[in-house]
Amino acid sequence: MDPSDCALICKALGDSNRMQIVRMLSEGEKCACKLLEKFDITQPTLSHHMKILCECGIVSVRKDGKWAYYSLDDEVFGAFGRYIASLGAASVASAHESDECCS
């Protein structure tokens, strides 16, 4: 995953409502009306949150008539998870290397 793509996802997940939406979608596809029931927000505000989550790639939308159904994009979300995990692995590996320039 490209660092700029990862940054967009991190920015999208920086909002507590969007984090809750992602948590709900981790249980499976949800209609926008079901998501809206769980929040004290307006429909336009939900649309704004969903647009951000879709634009960064971790959420996909499926239209069926006037209804919108949202789900996590498992491929993108998995790549994001692997990228974040690789940062931790790189940190552990570099901690074991000597830093000769500062000696």
C-alpha atoms as a PDB file:
ATOM      1  CA  MET A   1       0.000   0.000   0.000  1.00  0.00           C
ATOM      2  CA  ASP A   2       1.216   3.459  -0.867  1.00  0.00           C
ATOM      3  CA  PRO A   3       1.964   5.726   2.140  1.00  0.00           C
ATOM      4  CA  SER A   4      -0.352   8.440   0.779  1.00  0.00           C
ATOM      5  CA  ASP A   5      -3.226   5.922   0.528  1.00  0.00           C
ATOM      6  CA  CYS A   6      -2.533   4.845   4.096  1.00  0.00           C
ATOM      7  CA  ALA A   7      -2.580   8.484   5.209  1.00  0.00           C
ATOM      8  CA  LEU A   8      -6.005   9.000   3.594  1.00  0.00           C
ATOM      9  CA  ILE A   9      -7.372   5.985   5.455  1.00  0.00           C
ATOM     10  CA  CYS A  10      -5.873   7.168   8.742  1.00  0.00           C
ATOM     11  CA  LYS A  11      -7.428  10.587   8.208  1.00  0.00           C
ATOM     12  CA  ALA A  12     -10.814   8.988   7.462  1.00  0.00           C
ATOM     13  CA  LEU A  13     -10.582   6.860  10.604  1.00  0.00           C
ATOM     14  CA  GLY A  14      -9.672   9.913  12.687  1.00  0.00           C
ATOM     15  CA  ASP A  15     -13.352  10.622  13.316  1.00  0.00           C
ATOM     16  CA  SER A  16     -15.145   8.640  16.037  1.00  0.00           C
ATOM     17  CA  ASN A  17     -18.377   8.365  14.030  1.00  0.00           C
ATOM     18  CA  ARG A  18     -16.492   6.915  11.074  1.00  0.00           C
ATOM     19  CA  MET A  19     -14.704   4.481  13.383  1.00  0.00           C
ATOM     20  CA  GLN A  20     -18.095   3.334  14.678  1.00  0.00           C
ATOM     21  CA  ILE A  21     -19.370   2.973  11.110  1.00  0.00           C
ATOM     22  CA  VAL A  22     -16.375   0.800  10.205  1.00  0.00           C
ATOM     23  CA  ARG A  23     -17.012  -1.310  13.312  1.00  0.00           C
ATOM     24  CA  MET A  24     -20.633  -1.807  12.247  1.00  0.00           C
ATOM     25  CA  LEU A  25     -19.597  -2.684   8.698  1.00  0.00           C
ATOM     26  CA  SER A  26     -17.113  -5.248  10.024  1.00  0.00           C
ATOM     27  CA  GLU A  27     -20.227  -7.285  10.898  1.00  0.00           C
ATOM     28  CA  GLY A  28     -21.398  -7.217   7.257  1.00  0.00           C
ATOM     29  CA  GLU A  29     -23.133  -5.080   4.669  1.00  0.00           C
ATOM     30  CA  LYS A  30     -25.502  -2.440   6.042  1.00  0.00           C
ATOM     31  CA  CYS A  31     -28.140  -0.240   4.450  1.00  0.00           C
ATOM     32  CA  ALA A  32     -27.613   3.476   5.000  1.00  0.00           C
ATOM     33  CA  CYS A  33     -30.910   3.600   6.905  1.00  0.00           C
ATOM     34  CA  LYS A  34     -29.594   1.012   9.407  1.00  0.00           C
ATOM     35  CA  LEU A  35     -26.413   3.018   9.914  1.00  0.00           C
ATOM     36  CA  LEU A  36     -28.420   6.202  10.414  1.00  0.00           C
ATOM     37  CA  GLU A  37     -30.525   4.538  13.137  1.00  0.00           C
ATOM     38  CA  LYS A  38     -27.424   4.116  15.304  1.00  0.00           C
ATOM     39  CA  PHE A  39     -26.308   7.750  15.249  1.00  0.00           C
ATOM     40  CA  ASP A  40     -27.720  11.073  16.334  1.00  0.00           C
ATOM     41  CA  ILE A  41     -26.842  12.696  13.004  1.00  0.00           C
ATOM     42  CA  THR A  42     -28.724  13.840   9.922  1.00  0.00           C
ATOM     43  CA  GLN A  43     -28.805  11.942   6.643  1.00  0.00           C
ATOM     44  CA  PRO A  44     -26.573  14.547   4.923  1.00  0.00           C
ATOM     45  CA  THR A  45     -23.999  14.141   7.707  1.00  0.00           C
ATOM     46  CA  LEU A  46     -24.051  10.353   7.267  1.00  0.00           C
ATOM     47  CA  SER A  47     -23.623  10.852   3.512  1.00  0.00           C
ATOM     48  CA  HIS A  48     -20.588  13.034   4.189  1.00  0.00           C
ATOM     49  CA  HIS A  49     -19.017  10.357   6.416  1.00  0.00           C
ATOM     50  CA  MET A  50     -19.751   7.627   3.873  1.00  0.00           C
ATOM     51  CA  LYS A  51     -18.263   9.695   1.043  1.00  0.00           C
ATOM     52  CA  ILE A  52     -14.997  10.048   2.975  1.00  0.00           C
ATOM     53  CA  LEU A  53     -14.885   6.315   3.779  1.00  0.00           C
ATOM     54  CA  CYS A  54     -15.609   5.410   0.153  1.00  0.00           C
ATOM     55  CA  GLU A  55     -13.087   7.894  -1.267  1.00  0.00           C
ATOM     56  CA  CYS A  56     -10.248   6.434   0.791  1.00  0.00           C
ATOM     57  CA  GLY A  57     -11.223   2.970  -0.453  1.00  0.00           C
ATOM     58  CA  ILE A  58     -12.035   1.046   2.715  1.00  0.00           C
ATOM     59  CA  VAL A  59     -15.804   1.125   2.137  1.00  0.00           C
ATOM     60  CA  SER A  60     -17.704   0.110  -0.994  1.00  0.00           C
ATOM     61  CA  VAL A  61     -21.240   1.123  -1.884  1.00  0.00           C
ATOM     62  CA  ARG A  62     -23.844  -0.885  -3.745  1.00  0.00           C
ATOM     63  CA  LYS A  63     -26.938   0.921  -5.019  1.00  0.00           C
ATOM     64  CA  ASP A  64     -30.270  -0.876  -5.230  1.00  0.00           C
ATOM     65  CA  GLY A  65     -32.979   1.505  -6.377  1.00  0.00           C
ATOM     66  CA  LYS A  66     -33.048   4.422  -3.981  1.00  0.00           C
ATOM     67  CA  TRP A  67     -31.167   2.486  -1.281  1.00  0.00           C
ATOM     68  CA  ALA A  68     -27.431   2.460  -0.681  1.00  0.00           C
ATOM     69  CA  TYR A  69     -25.752  -0.555   0.917  1.00  0.00           C
ATOM     70  CA  TYR A  70     -22.271  -0.207   2.372  1.00  0.00           C
ATOM     71  CA  SER A  71     -19.629  -2.809   3.133  1.00  0.00           C
ATOM     72  CA  LEU A  72     -15.944  -2.910   3.956  1.00  0.00           C
ATOM     73  CA  ASP A  73     -13.631  -3.474   1.020  1.00  0.00           C
ATOM     74  CA  ASP A  74     -11.787  -6.488   2.416  1.00  0.00           C
ATOM     75  CA  GLU A  75      -8.892  -6.168  -0.021  1.00  0.00           C
ATOM     76  CA  VAL A  76      -8.154  -2.512   0.778  1.00  0.00           C
ATOM     77  CA  PHE A  77      -8.814  -2.939   4.490  1.00  0.00           C
ATOM     78  CA  GLY A  78      -6.503  -5.971   4.577  1.00  0.00           C
ATOM     79  CA  ALA A  79      -3.750  -4.094   2.744  1.00  0.00           C
ATOM     80  CA  PHE A  80      -4.118  -1.235   5.215  1.00  0.00           C
ATOM     81  CA  GLY A  81      -3.801  -3.643   8.152  1.00  0.00           C
ATOM     82  CA  ARG A  82      -0.702  -5.259   6.661  1.00  0.00           C
ATOM     83  CA  TYR A  83       0.871  -1.844   6.033  1.00  0.00           C
ATOM     84  CA  ILE A  84       0.273  -0.750   9.631  1.00  0.00           C
ATOM     85  CA  ALA A  85       1.627  -4.074  10.916  1.00  0.00           C
ATOM     86  CA  SER A  86       4.746  -3.647   8.762  1.00  0.00           C
ATOM     87  CA  LEU A  87       5.445  -0.305  10.457  1.00  0.00           C
ATOM     88  CA  GLY A  88       5.589  -2.039  13.819  1.00  0.00           C
ATOM     89  CA  ALA A  89       7.791  -4.807  12.425  1.00  0.00           C
ATOM     90  CA  ALA A  90      10.162  -2.245  10.891  1.00  0.00           C
ATOM     91  CA  SER A  91      10.358  -0.430  14.231  1.00  0.00           C
ATOM     92  CA  VAL A  92      11.297  -3.612  16.074  1.00  0.00           C
ATOM     93  CA  ALA A  93      13.912  -4.494  13.455  1.00  0.00           C
ATOM     94  CA  SER A  94      15.519  -1.042  13.514  1.00  0.00           C
ATOM     95  CA  ALA A  95      15.662  -1.099  17.335  1.00  0.00           C
ATOM     96  CA  HIS A  96      18.067  -4.022  17.084  1.00  0.00           C
ATOM     97  CA  GLU A  97      20.409  -2.242  14.660  1.00  0.00           C
ATOM     98  CA  SER A  98      23.177  -0.033  15.972  1.00  0.00           C
ATOM     99  CA  ASP A  99      23.015   3.639  15.108  1.00  0.00           C
ATOM    100  CA  GLU A 100      26.627   4.328  14.262  1.00  0.00           C
ATOM    101  CA  CYS A 101      26.122   7.939  13.220  1.00  0.00           C
ATOM    102  CA  CYS A 102      25.322   9.039  16.780  1.00  0.00           C
ATOM    103  CA  SER A 103      28.156   7.234  18.554  1.00  0.00           C
END
